[in-house]
Amino acid sequence: MLKTIMTAAMLIAAPMTAQAEDIKKAVFAGGCFWCVESDFEHLDGVKEAVSGFSGGTTRKPTYKSHGDHIEAVEITYDADKVDYATLVDTLLRSIDVTDAGGQFCDRGHTYTSGIFANGAEAKIARDIIAKHNASGKLPSAIVTPILPVAKFYKVDGYHQDYYKSTKVVLTRRGPMTKAKAYKFYRKGCGRDARVKKLWGAQAYSSS
């Protein structure tokens, strides 16, 4: 009887061990963090994307007072399902990598793009950028920089999961859910249209 119980316990425990996940994090900037969050949370293998700020010197940045930080997203992913190279490539193909002054309708340092990486991950990012530059498919060289890993600051809850929230907010077009306001903003900003024009069939978008 004891042997039977032990065997059953081993059979139950075995699948749990086999399904262990290799959880890692990556931080990217691609303009509006609502959009980057949405794009990555639709990518298989990504468990969560959190909006915030990184790259600056201002302590405890907030949405209204973030100083020299840029909008960024911290991505938690299962490395057994999606590798770092795929994440980098997805970022590049979902932004305007030729724009150093911001992203789409959002202008200025706050909205510039970037890949926060050191060591082996920085090399992966450099190799992918070099590959795309060498392909000759882009109108000009990629200017998205590889930045040193820096402290990531999560922005307040109002901005988390904005793209899918059913909470009603007041906009210039009247009351609407955050999800609807997000779609209106994304289309009006020309994000997907520009990415499609730049990357063609290689363009990535969650919308």
N, C-alpha and C. Protein backbone atom coordinates (compact mmCIF):
# COMPACT_ATOMS: atom_id res chain seq x y z
N MET A 1 0.83 -1.21 0.00
CA MET A 1 0.00 0.00 0.00
C MET A 1 0.87 1.26 0.00
N LEU A 2 1.90 1.27 0.87
CA LEU A 2 2.81 2.41 0.96
C LEU A 2 3.52 2.63 -0.37
N LYS A 3 3.94 1.54 -1.02
CA LYS A 3 4.63 1.63 -2.31
C LYS A 3 3.71 2.25 -3.36
N THR A 4 2.44 1.88 -3.32
CA THR A 4 1.46 2.41 -4.28
C THR A 4 1.29 3.91 -4.10
N ILE A 5 1.22 4.35 -2.83
CA ILE A 5 1.06 5.78 -2.52
C ILE A 5 2.27 6.57 -2.99
N MET A 6 3.48 6.02 -2.75
CA MET A 6 4.72 6.69 -3.14
C MET A 6 4.82 6.81 -4.65
N THR A 7 4.43 5.76 -5.36
CA THR A 7 4.47 5.76 -6.84
C THR A 7 3.53 6.82 -7.39
N ALA A 8 2.33 6.90 -6.81
CA ALA A 8 1.35 7.90 -7.26
C ALA A 8 1.87 9.31 -7.03
N ALA A 9 2.51 9.51 -5.88
CA ALA A 9 3.06 10.82 -5.56
C ALA A 9 4.15 11.22 -6.55
N MET A 10 4.98 10.25 -6.95
CA MET A 10 6.04 10.53 -7.91
C MET A 10 5.48 10.89 -9.27
N LEU A 11 4.40 10.22 -9.66
CA LEU A 11 3.77 10.51 -10.95
C LEU A 11 3.16 11.90 -10.97
N ILE A 12 2.62 12.33 -9.82
CA ILE A 12 2.02 13.66 -9.73
C ILE A 12 3.10 14.73 -9.76
N ALA A 13 4.21 14.46 -9.07
CA ALA A 13 5.28 15.45 -8.95
C ALA A 13 6.08 15.60 -10.24
N ALA A 14 6.21 14.54 -11.02
CA ALA A 14 7.05 14.56 -12.23
C ALA A 14 6.64 15.63 -13.23
N PRO A 15 5.36 15.73 -13.61
CA PRO A 15 4.97 16.77 -14.58
C PRO A 15 5.26 18.17 -14.07
N MET A 16 5.12 18.39 -12.75
CA MET A 16 5.37 19.71 -12.20
C MET A 16 6.82 20.11 -12.37
N THR A 17 7.72 19.14 -12.20
CA THR A 17 9.15 19.41 -12.38
C THR A 17 9.46 19.69 -13.84
N ALA A 18 8.82 18.93 -14.74
CA ALA A 18 9.08 19.08 -16.17
C ALA A 18 8.60 20.43 -16.69
N GLN A 19 7.62 21.01 -16.00
CA GLN A 19 7.04 22.27 -16.47
C GLN A 19 7.67 23.50 -15.82
N ALA A 20 8.77 23.32 -15.12
CA ALA A 20 9.44 24.45 -14.47
C ALA A 20 9.79 25.51 -15.52
N GLU A 21 9.59 26.78 -15.19
CA GLU A 21 9.81 27.86 -16.15
C GLU A 21 11.12 28.58 -15.88
N ASP A 22 11.73 29.08 -16.95
CA ASP A 22 12.96 29.87 -16.84
C ASP A 22 12.55 31.33 -16.98
N ILE A 23 12.21 31.97 -15.88
CA ILE A 23 11.67 33.32 -15.90
C ILE A 23 12.78 34.37 -15.91
N LYS A 24 12.71 35.28 -16.87
CA LYS A 24 13.70 36.35 -16.99
C LYS A 24 12.98 37.68 -17.24
N LYS A 25 13.75 38.76 -17.18
CA LYS A 25 13.19 40.09 -17.41
C LYS A 25 14.01 40.85 -18.45
N ALA A 26 13.34 41.73 -19.16
CA ALA A 26 13.99 42.60 -20.14
C ALA A 26 13.30 43.96 -20.07
N VAL A 27 14.06 45.02 -20.34
CA VAL A 27 13.48 46.36 -20.33
C VAL A 27 13.74 47.04 -21.67
N PHE A 28 12.67 47.48 -22.31
CA PHE A 28 12.74 48.14 -23.61
C PHE A 28 11.97 49.46 -23.57
N ALA A 29 12.36 50.37 -24.44
CA ALA A 29 11.63 51.63 -24.62
C ALA A 29 11.27 51.75 -26.10
N GLY A 30 10.03 52.15 -26.35
CA GLY A 30 9.58 52.29 -27.73
C GLY A 30 8.50 53.34 -27.87
N GLY A 31 8.72 54.47 -27.19
CA GLY A 31 7.69 55.50 -27.21
C GLY A 31 6.65 55.23 -26.15
N CYS A 32 5.40 55.51 -26.45
CA CYS A 32 4.30 55.33 -25.49
C CYS A 32 4.33 53.95 -24.85
N PHE A 33 4.43 53.91 -23.52
CA PHE A 33 4.54 52.60 -22.87
C PHE A 33 3.25 51.80 -22.93
N TRP A 34 2.10 52.45 -23.12
CA TRP A 34 0.87 51.68 -23.30
C TRP A 34 0.99 50.76 -24.51
N CYS A 35 1.56 51.30 -25.59
CA CYS A 35 1.66 50.56 -26.85
C CYS A 35 2.68 49.42 -26.75
N VAL A 36 3.82 49.71 -26.13
CA VAL A 36 4.85 48.67 -25.98
C VAL A 36 4.32 47.55 -25.09
N GLU A 37 3.62 47.93 -24.03
CA GLU A 37 3.03 46.94 -23.13
C GLU A 37 2.07 46.03 -23.89
N SER A 38 1.19 46.64 -24.67
CA SER A 38 0.22 45.87 -25.44
C SER A 38 0.90 44.93 -26.43
N ASP A 39 1.88 45.45 -27.18
CA ASP A 39 2.56 44.63 -28.18
C ASP A 39 3.20 43.39 -27.55
N PHE A 40 3.86 43.57 -26.42
CA PHE A 40 4.57 42.44 -25.82
C PHE A 40 3.66 41.48 -25.06
N GLU A 41 2.59 41.97 -24.48
CA GLU A 41 1.70 41.05 -23.78
C GLU A 41 0.93 40.15 -24.74
N HIS A 42 0.96 40.48 -26.01
CA HIS A 42 0.34 39.61 -27.02
C HIS A 42 1.35 38.62 -27.62
N LEU A 43 2.59 38.68 -27.17
CA LEU A 43 3.63 37.80 -27.70
C LEU A 43 3.70 36.53 -26.88
N ASP A 44 3.66 35.39 -27.53
CA ASP A 44 3.72 34.11 -26.84
C ASP A 44 5.00 33.99 -26.02
N GLY A 45 4.87 33.58 -24.78
CA GLY A 45 6.03 33.42 -23.91
C GLY A 45 6.20 34.57 -22.94
N VAL A 46 5.57 35.69 -23.23
CA VAL A 46 5.64 36.84 -22.31
C VAL A 46 4.55 36.68 -21.25
N LYS A 47 4.95 36.75 -19.99
CA LYS A 47 4.02 36.57 -18.90
C LYS A 47 3.40 37.88 -18.43
N GLU A 48 4.18 38.95 -18.53
CA GLU A 48 3.68 40.25 -18.07
C GLU A 48 4.54 41.36 -18.63
N ALA A 49 3.93 42.51 -18.89
CA ALA A 49 4.65 43.72 -19.30
C ALA A 49 4.17 44.85 -18.40
N VAL A 50 5.10 45.55 -17.78
CA VAL A 50 4.77 46.60 -16.83
C VAL A 50 5.31 47.94 -17.33
N SER A 51 4.47 48.96 -17.33
CA SER A 51 4.86 50.29 -17.79
C SER A 51 5.60 51.05 -16.70
N GLY A 52 6.58 51.87 -17.12
CA GLY A 52 7.32 52.67 -16.16
C GLY A 52 8.34 53.57 -16.82
N PHE A 53 9.41 53.83 -16.10
CA PHE A 53 10.47 54.71 -16.58
C PHE A 53 11.84 54.11 -16.28
N SER A 54 12.83 54.49 -17.07
CA SER A 54 14.20 54.04 -16.81
C SER A 54 15.17 54.95 -17.56
N GLY A 55 16.45 54.79 -17.24
CA GLY A 55 17.49 55.47 -17.98
C GLY A 55 17.92 56.83 -17.49
N GLY A 56 17.19 57.39 -16.52
CA GLY A 56 17.51 58.73 -16.05
C GLY A 56 18.10 58.77 -14.66
N THR A 57 18.24 59.97 -14.14
CA THR A 57 18.84 60.16 -12.82
C THR A 57 17.84 60.65 -11.78
N THR A 58 16.65 61.02 -12.22
CA THR A 58 15.63 61.52 -11.30
C THR A 58 15.16 60.41 -10.35
N ARG A 59 15.16 60.70 -9.06
CA ARG A 59 14.74 59.70 -8.09
C ARG A 59 13.22 59.65 -7.99
N LYS A 60 12.69 58.44 -7.95
CA LYS A 60 11.25 58.22 -7.80
C LYS A 60 10.44 59.01 -8.83
N PRO A 61 10.68 58.75 -10.11
CA PRO A 61 9.94 59.48 -11.14
C PRO A 61 8.45 59.16 -11.12
N THR A 62 7.64 60.12 -11.50
CA THR A 62 6.21 59.92 -11.65
C THR A 62 5.82 60.32 -13.07
N TYR A 63 4.58 60.06 -13.45
CA TYR A 63 4.16 60.40 -14.80
C TYR A 63 4.26 61.90 -15.06
N LYS A 64 3.94 62.70 -14.04
CA LYS A 64 3.97 64.15 -14.19
C LYS A 64 5.34 64.75 -13.92
N SER A 65 6.21 63.97 -13.29
CA SER A 65 7.54 64.48 -12.96
C SER A 65 8.57 63.35 -13.06
N HIS A 66 8.98 63.06 -14.30
CA HIS A 66 9.91 61.94 -14.52
C HIS A 66 11.30 62.40 -14.93
N GLY A 67 11.51 63.70 -14.98
CA GLY A 67 12.85 64.22 -15.25
C GLY A 67 13.45 63.71 -16.55
N ASP A 68 14.66 63.16 -16.46
CA ASP A 68 15.38 62.72 -17.65
C ASP A 68 15.17 61.24 -17.99
N HIS A 69 14.22 60.60 -17.34
CA HIS A 69 13.90 59.20 -17.66
C HIS A 69 13.13 59.14 -18.98
N ILE A 70 13.12 57.96 -19.58
CA ILE A 70 12.28 57.72 -20.75
C ILE A 70 11.22 56.67 -20.42
N GLU A 71 10.10 56.73 -21.11
CA GLU A 71 9.07 55.72 -20.90
C GLU A 71 9.61 54.37 -21.32
N ALA A 72 9.44 53.37 -20.46
CA ALA A 72 9.98 52.04 -20.73
C ALA A 72 9.01 50.98 -20.21
N VAL A 73 9.26 49.76 -20.62
CA VAL A 73 8.42 48.63 -20.19
C VAL A 73 9.30 47.49 -19.73
N GLU A 74 9.01 46.98 -18.54
CA GLU A 74 9.72 45.81 -18.02
C GLU A 74 8.94 44.57 -18.39
N ILE A 75 9.59 43.68 -19.13
CA ILE A 75 8.92 42.49 -19.65
C ILE A 75 9.39 41.26 -18.87
N THR A 76 8.45 40.51 -18.33
CA THR A 76 8.75 39.24 -17.67
C THR A 76 8.38 38.13 -18.65
N TYR A 77 9.35 37.28 -18.95
CA TYR A 77 9.10 36.25 -19.97
C TYR A 77 9.66 34.89 -19.58
N ASP A 78 9.10 33.87 -20.20
CA ASP A 78 9.56 32.50 -20.00
C ASP A 78 10.57 32.19 -21.10
N ALA A 79 11.85 32.12 -20.73
CA ALA A 79 12.91 31.90 -21.72
C ALA A 79 12.84 30.53 -22.38
N ASP A 80 12.03 29.63 -21.84
CA ASP A 80 11.82 28.33 -22.47
C ASP A 80 10.86 28.44 -23.65
N LYS A 81 10.12 29.56 -23.70
CA LYS A 81 9.13 29.74 -24.76
C LYS A 81 9.52 30.83 -25.75
N VAL A 82 10.23 31.84 -25.29
CA VAL A 82 10.65 32.92 -26.17
C VAL A 82 12.03 33.39 -25.72
N ASP A 83 12.95 33.54 -26.65
CA ASP A 83 14.30 33.95 -26.26
C ASP A 83 14.49 35.46 -26.38
N TYR A 84 15.60 35.93 -25.81
CA TYR A 84 15.86 37.36 -25.77
C TYR A 84 15.97 37.95 -27.18
N ALA A 85 16.58 37.21 -28.08
CA ALA A 85 16.73 37.69 -29.46
C ALA A 85 15.38 37.98 -30.10
N THR A 86 14.39 37.13 -29.84
CA THR A 86 13.05 37.33 -30.39
C THR A 86 12.41 38.58 -29.81
N LEU A 87 12.64 38.82 -28.52
CA LEU A 87 12.10 40.02 -27.88
C LEU A 87 12.69 41.28 -28.52
N VAL A 88 14.01 41.29 -28.70
CA VAL A 88 14.67 42.44 -29.32
C VAL A 88 14.14 42.67 -30.73
N ASP A 89 14.06 41.61 -31.49
CA ASP A 89 13.60 41.72 -32.87
C ASP A 89 12.15 42.22 -32.92
N THR A 90 11.34 41.76 -31.99
CA THR A 90 9.95 42.20 -31.93
C THR A 90 9.87 43.69 -31.63
N LEU A 91 10.68 44.15 -30.68
CA LEU A 91 10.69 45.58 -30.38
C LEU A 91 11.04 46.39 -31.63
N LEU A 92 12.13 46.03 -32.29
CA LEU A 92 12.59 46.79 -33.45
C LEU A 92 11.53 46.84 -34.54
N ARG A 93 10.85 45.73 -34.75
CA ARG A 93 9.85 45.66 -35.82
C ARG A 93 8.50 46.23 -35.43
N SER A 94 8.42 46.81 -34.22
CA SER A 94 7.16 47.42 -33.78
C SER A 94 7.31 48.92 -33.51
N ILE A 95 8.49 49.49 -33.85
CA ILE A 95 8.73 50.92 -33.64
C ILE A 95 9.39 51.52 -34.87
N ASP A 96 9.57 52.84 -34.83
CA ASP A 96 10.30 53.53 -35.90
C ASP A 96 11.76 53.63 -35.47
N VAL A 97 12.55 52.67 -35.89
CA VAL A 97 13.95 52.58 -35.47
C VAL A 97 14.82 53.65 -36.13
N THR A 98 14.26 54.41 -37.06
CA THR A 98 15.03 55.46 -37.75
C THR A 98 14.79 56.84 -37.14
N ASP A 99 13.98 56.90 -36.08
CA ASP A 99 13.60 58.18 -35.47
C ASP A 99 14.30 58.36 -34.12
N ALA A 100 15.20 59.33 -34.04
CA ALA A 100 15.94 59.58 -32.79
C ALA A 100 15.29 60.67 -31.95
N GLY A 101 14.21 61.27 -32.45
CA GLY A 101 13.61 62.40 -31.75
C GLY A 101 12.34 62.09 -30.99
N GLY A 102 11.99 60.82 -30.91
CA GLY A 102 10.75 60.41 -30.25
C GLY A 102 10.17 59.24 -31.01
N GLN A 103 8.89 59.00 -30.86
CA GLN A 103 8.22 57.94 -31.60
C GLN A 103 6.85 58.41 -32.06
N PHE A 104 6.68 58.41 -33.38
CA PHE A 104 5.39 58.73 -34.00
C PHE A 104 4.94 60.14 -33.60
N CYS A 105 3.74 60.32 -33.04
CA CYS A 105 3.30 61.68 -32.72
C CYS A 105 3.86 62.17 -31.39
N ASP A 106 4.49 61.31 -30.63
CA ASP A 106 5.06 61.70 -29.33
C ASP A 106 6.52 62.10 -29.53
N ARG A 107 6.84 63.35 -29.24
CA ARG A 107 8.15 63.88 -29.52
C ARG A 107 8.93 64.18 -28.24
N GLY A 108 10.24 64.19 -28.35
CA GLY A 108 11.09 64.53 -27.23
C GLY A 108 11.76 63.33 -26.59
N HIS A 109 12.71 63.62 -25.70
CA HIS A 109 13.52 62.59 -25.07
C HIS A 109 12.70 61.52 -24.36
N THR A 110 11.63 61.92 -23.72
CA THR A 110 10.79 60.98 -22.96
C THR A 110 10.33 59.81 -23.80
N TYR A 111 10.11 60.05 -25.09
CA TYR A 111 9.53 59.03 -25.96
C TYR A 111 10.54 58.38 -26.91
N THR A 112 11.81 58.56 -26.66
CA THR A 112 12.81 57.93 -27.52
C THR A 112 12.88 56.42 -27.23
N SER A 113 13.39 55.69 -28.20
CA SER A 113 13.46 54.24 -28.06
C SER A 113 14.80 53.81 -27.46
N GLY A 114 14.86 52.58 -26.99
CA GLY A 114 16.10 52.08 -26.43
C GLY A 114 15.98 50.63 -25.97
N ILE A 115 17.12 49.97 -25.92
CA ILE A 115 17.22 48.59 -25.44
C ILE A 115 18.16 48.61 -24.24
N PHE A 116 17.65 48.31 -23.06
CA PHE A 116 18.49 48.33 -21.86
C PHE A 116 19.14 46.95 -21.69
N ALA A 117 20.43 46.88 -21.97
CA ALA A 117 21.09 45.57 -21.94
C ALA A 117 22.58 45.70 -21.66
N ASN A 118 23.11 44.71 -20.99
CA ASN A 118 24.55 44.60 -20.73
C ASN A 118 25.06 43.25 -21.20
N GLY A 119 26.36 43.11 -21.33
CA GLY A 119 26.98 41.82 -21.58
C GLY A 119 26.46 41.08 -22.78
N ALA A 120 26.12 39.79 -22.57
CA ALA A 120 25.69 38.92 -23.66
C ALA A 120 24.42 39.42 -24.33
N GLU A 121 23.51 39.99 -23.54
CA GLU A 121 22.26 40.49 -24.12
C GLU A 121 22.52 41.71 -25.00
N ALA A 122 23.46 42.55 -24.61
CA ALA A 122 23.80 43.70 -25.44
C ALA A 122 24.39 43.24 -26.77
N LYS A 123 25.18 42.18 -26.73
CA LYS A 123 25.77 41.65 -27.97
C LYS A 123 24.67 41.10 -28.89
N ILE A 124 23.70 40.41 -28.30
CA ILE A 124 22.58 39.90 -29.08
C ILE A 124 21.87 41.05 -29.78
N ALA A 125 21.62 42.11 -29.03
CA ALA A 125 20.94 43.27 -29.59
C ALA A 125 21.76 43.91 -30.71
N ARG A 126 23.07 44.05 -30.50
CA ARG A 126 23.94 44.63 -31.53
C ARG A 126 23.92 43.79 -32.80
N ASP A 127 23.95 42.48 -32.64
CA ASP A 127 23.96 41.58 -33.80
C ASP A 127 22.66 41.68 -34.59
N ILE A 128 21.53 41.79 -33.89
CA ILE A 128 20.24 41.90 -34.58
C ILE A 128 20.13 43.23 -35.31
N ILE A 129 20.59 44.29 -34.67
CA ILE A 129 20.58 45.60 -35.31
C ILE A 129 21.47 45.58 -36.56
N ALA A 130 22.64 44.97 -36.43
CA ALA A 130 23.56 44.88 -37.56
C ALA A 130 22.95 44.09 -38.72
N LYS A 131 22.22 43.04 -38.37
CA LYS A 131 21.56 42.21 -39.39
C LYS A 131 20.54 43.03 -40.17
N HIS A 132 19.72 43.78 -39.45
CA HIS A 132 18.70 44.59 -40.13
C HIS A 132 19.34 45.72 -40.95
N ASN A 133 20.39 46.32 -40.42
CA ASN A 133 21.08 47.37 -41.17
C ASN A 133 21.68 46.83 -42.46
N ALA A 134 22.24 45.62 -42.37
CA ALA A 134 22.89 45.01 -43.54
C ALA A 134 21.89 44.52 -44.59
N SER A 135 20.63 44.33 -44.18
CA SER A 135 19.64 43.80 -45.11
C SER A 135 19.31 44.78 -46.23
N GLY A 136 19.51 46.08 -45.97
CA GLY A 136 19.21 47.08 -46.98
C GLY A 136 17.73 47.34 -47.17
N LYS A 137 16.89 46.79 -46.28
CA LYS A 137 15.45 46.95 -46.43
C LYS A 137 14.91 48.20 -45.77
N LEU A 138 15.72 48.80 -44.90
CA LEU A 138 15.29 50.03 -44.23
C LEU A 138 15.80 51.25 -44.97
N PRO A 139 15.09 52.36 -44.93
CA PRO A 139 15.51 53.55 -45.67
C PRO A 139 16.77 54.21 -45.10
N SER A 140 17.05 53.96 -43.83
CA SER A 140 18.26 54.50 -43.19
C SER A 140 18.63 53.61 -42.02
N ALA A 141 19.79 53.86 -41.44
CA ALA A 141 20.29 53.00 -40.36
C ALA A 141 19.44 53.11 -39.09
N ILE A 142 19.43 52.04 -38.33
CA ILE A 142 18.72 52.01 -37.06
C ILE A 142 19.43 52.91 -36.05
N VAL A 143 18.68 53.79 -35.41
CA VAL A 143 19.26 54.70 -34.42
C VAL A 143 18.84 54.34 -32.99
N THR A 144 18.00 53.33 -32.83
CA THR A 144 17.61 52.87 -31.49
C THR A 144 18.86 52.44 -30.75
N PRO A 145 19.19 53.08 -29.62
CA PRO A 145 20.43 52.77 -28.93
C PRO A 145 20.33 51.57 -27.97
N ILE A 146 21.47 50.98 -27.70
CA ILE A 146 21.58 49.97 -26.65
C ILE A 146 22.12 50.71 -25.43
N LEU A 147 21.31 50.77 -24.39
CA LEU A 147 21.61 51.56 -23.20
C LEU A 147 22.00 50.66 -22.03
N PRO A 148 22.85 51.16 -21.13
CA PRO A 148 23.21 50.36 -19.95
C PRO A 148 21.97 50.04 -19.11
N VAL A 149 21.92 48.85 -18.56
CA VAL A 149 20.81 48.49 -17.69
C VAL A 149 20.75 49.48 -16.52
N ALA A 150 19.57 49.99 -16.26
CA ALA A 150 19.38 50.98 -15.20
C ALA A 150 18.16 50.60 -14.37
N LYS A 151 18.01 51.24 -13.25
CA LYS A 151 16.87 50.95 -12.38
C LYS A 151 15.57 51.24 -13.11
N PHE A 152 14.64 50.33 -12.97
CA PHE A 152 13.32 50.50 -13.58
C PHE A 152 12.33 50.95 -12.51
N TYR A 153 11.56 51.98 -12.83
CA TYR A 153 10.56 52.50 -11.90
C TYR A 153 9.17 52.27 -12.48
N LYS A 154 8.36 51.53 -11.79
CA LYS A 154 6.99 51.26 -12.23
C LYS A 154 6.14 52.52 -12.09
N VAL A 155 5.39 52.84 -13.14
CA VAL A 155 4.51 54.00 -13.08
C VAL A 155 3.23 53.64 -12.31
N ASP A 156 2.47 54.63 -11.90
CA ASP A 156 1.27 54.38 -11.10
C ASP A 156 0.24 53.54 -11.84
N GLY A 157 -0.67 52.97 -11.07
CA GLY A 157 -1.64 52.03 -11.58
C GLY A 157 -2.54 52.54 -12.69
N TYR A 158 -2.75 53.85 -12.76
CA TYR A 158 -3.61 54.41 -13.81
C TYR A 158 -3.14 54.00 -15.20
N HIS A 159 -1.83 53.86 -15.37
CA HIS A 159 -1.27 53.59 -16.69
C HIS A 159 -1.01 52.10 -16.96
N GLN A 160 -1.17 51.25 -15.96
CA GLN A 160 -0.94 49.83 -16.16
C GLN A 160 -2.15 49.19 -16.86
N ASP A 161 -1.86 48.34 -17.86
CA ASP A 161 -2.93 47.64 -18.60
C ASP A 161 -3.95 48.60 -19.19
N TYR A 162 -3.50 49.79 -19.53
CA TYR A 162 -4.40 50.82 -20.05
C TYR A 162 -5.11 50.32 -21.31
N TYR A 163 -4.38 49.62 -22.14
CA TYR A 163 -4.91 49.21 -23.45
C TYR A 163 -6.08 48.24 -23.37
N LYS A 164 -6.27 47.61 -22.21
CA LYS A 164 -7.36 46.62 -22.10
C LYS A 164 -8.32 46.92 -20.95
N SER A 165 -8.17 48.08 -20.34
CA SER A 165 -9.01 48.42 -19.19
C SER A 165 -10.41 48.85 -19.62
N THR A 166 -11.40 48.42 -18.85
CA THR A 166 -12.79 48.80 -19.13
C THR A 166 -13.20 50.02 -18.29
N LYS A 167 -12.29 50.57 -17.53
CA LYS A 167 -12.60 51.75 -16.73
C LYS A 167 -12.86 52.94 -17.64
N VAL A 168 -13.87 53.72 -17.34
CA VAL A 168 -14.25 54.86 -18.18
C VAL A 168 -13.46 56.10 -17.76
N VAL A 169 -12.90 56.78 -18.77
CA VAL A 169 -12.16 58.02 -18.53
C VAL A 169 -12.73 59.11 -19.45
N LEU A 170 -12.49 60.35 -19.09
CA LEU A 170 -12.96 61.47 -19.90
C LEU A 170 -11.88 61.86 -20.90
N THR A 171 -12.23 61.87 -22.17
CA THR A 171 -11.28 62.23 -23.23
C THR A 171 -11.81 63.43 -24.01
N ARG A 172 -11.03 63.88 -24.97
CA ARG A 172 -11.47 65.00 -25.81
C ARG A 172 -12.72 64.66 -26.62
N ARG A 173 -12.97 63.37 -26.78
CA ARG A 173 -14.16 62.92 -27.51
C ARG A 173 -15.24 62.42 -26.56
N GLY A 174 -15.12 62.82 -25.30
CA GLY A 174 -16.12 62.43 -24.32
C GLY A 174 -15.73 61.20 -23.53
N PRO A 175 -16.61 60.70 -22.68
CA PRO A 175 -16.30 59.53 -21.86
C PRO A 175 -16.16 58.27 -22.72
N MET A 176 -15.18 57.46 -22.42
CA MET A 176 -15.00 56.17 -23.08
C MET A 176 -14.09 55.30 -22.24
N THR A 177 -14.11 54.01 -22.48
CA THR A 177 -13.23 53.13 -21.72
C THR A 177 -11.77 53.42 -22.09
N LYS A 178 -10.87 53.07 -21.20
CA LYS A 178 -9.46 53.25 -21.50
C LYS A 178 -9.08 52.45 -22.75
N ALA A 179 -9.63 51.26 -22.88
CA ALA A 179 -9.32 50.41 -24.04
C ALA A 179 -9.70 51.12 -25.35
N LYS A 180 -10.88 51.75 -25.36
CA LYS A 180 -11.32 52.46 -26.57
C LYS A 180 -10.48 53.71 -26.79
N ALA A 181 -10.16 54.42 -25.70
CA ALA A 181 -9.34 55.62 -25.80
C ALA A 181 -7.95 55.27 -26.33
N TYR A 182 -7.44 54.12 -25.89
CA TYR A 182 -6.13 53.66 -26.34
C TYR A 182 -6.15 53.41 -27.86
N LYS A 183 -7.16 52.74 -28.34
CA LYS A 183 -7.25 52.45 -29.77
C LYS A 183 -7.34 53.74 -30.59
N PHE A 184 -8.11 54.68 -30.07
CA PHE A 184 -8.25 55.97 -30.73
C PHE A 184 -6.90 56.69 -30.79
N TYR A 185 -6.18 56.68 -29.66
CA TYR A 185 -4.86 57.32 -29.59
C TYR A 185 -3.88 56.64 -30.54
N ARG A 186 -3.83 55.32 -30.50
CA ARG A 186 -2.84 54.59 -31.30
C ARG A 186 -3.04 54.83 -32.80
N LYS A 187 -4.28 54.81 -33.22
CA LYS A 187 -4.56 55.06 -34.63
C LYS A 187 -4.26 56.50 -35.00
N GLY A 188 -4.68 57.43 -34.13
CA GLY A 188 -4.46 58.85 -34.40
C GLY A 188 -2.99 59.21 -34.43
N CYS A 189 -2.20 58.51 -33.66
CA CYS A 189 -0.76 58.78 -33.59
C CYS A 189 -0.03 58.21 -34.81
N GLY A 190 -0.71 57.37 -35.56
CA GLY A 190 -0.11 56.82 -36.78
C GLY A 190 0.94 55.75 -36.54
N ARG A 191 0.90 55.14 -35.37
CA ARG A 191 1.93 54.17 -35.02
C ARG A 191 1.97 52.97 -35.98
N ASP A 192 0.87 52.29 -36.12
CA ASP A 192 0.85 51.09 -36.95
C ASP A 192 1.07 51.40 -38.42
N ALA A 193 0.54 52.52 -38.87
CA ALA A 193 0.71 52.90 -40.28
C ALA A 193 2.18 53.15 -40.59
N ARG A 194 2.87 53.84 -39.69
CA ARG A 194 4.30 54.13 -39.90
C ARG A 194 5.14 52.87 -39.83
N VAL A 195 4.85 52.01 -38.86
CA VAL A 195 5.60 50.76 -38.73
C VAL A 195 5.42 49.90 -39.99
N LYS A 196 4.20 49.85 -40.50
CA LYS A 196 3.92 49.07 -41.71
C LYS A 196 4.68 49.64 -42.91
N LYS A 197 4.71 50.96 -43.01
CA LYS A 197 5.42 51.60 -44.12
C LYS A 197 6.92 51.35 -44.02
N LEU A 198 7.45 51.38 -42.81
CA LEU A 198 8.88 51.21 -42.61
C LEU A 198 9.33 49.76 -42.78
N TRP A 199 8.59 48.83 -42.17
CA TRP A 199 9.02 47.43 -42.12
C TRP A 199 8.33 46.53 -43.14
N GLY A 200 7.26 46.99 -43.73
CA GLY A 200 6.55 46.16 -44.71
C GLY A 200 6.04 44.88 -44.09
N ALA A 201 6.27 43.74 -44.74
CA ALA A 201 5.78 42.46 -44.28
C ALA A 201 6.41 42.02 -42.97
N GLN A 202 7.51 42.64 -42.59
CA GLN A 202 8.18 42.29 -41.33
C GLN A 202 7.60 43.04 -40.13
N ALA A 203 6.72 43.99 -40.36
CA ALA A 203 6.17 44.79 -39.27
C ALA A 203 5.44 43.93 -38.25
N TYR A 204 5.58 44.32 -36.98
CA TYR A 204 4.88 43.62 -35.91
C TYR A 204 3.95 44.59 -35.19
N SER A 205 2.74 44.15 -34.93
CA SER A 205 1.80 44.97 -34.17
C SER A 205 0.79 44.04 -33.52
N SER A 206 0.39 44.39 -32.31
CA SER A 206 -0.61 43.59 -31.61
C SER A 206 -2.03 44.02 -31.94
N SER A 207 -2.16 45.16 -32.61
CA SER A 207 -3.51 45.69 -32.87
C SER A 207 -4.12 45.10 -34.14
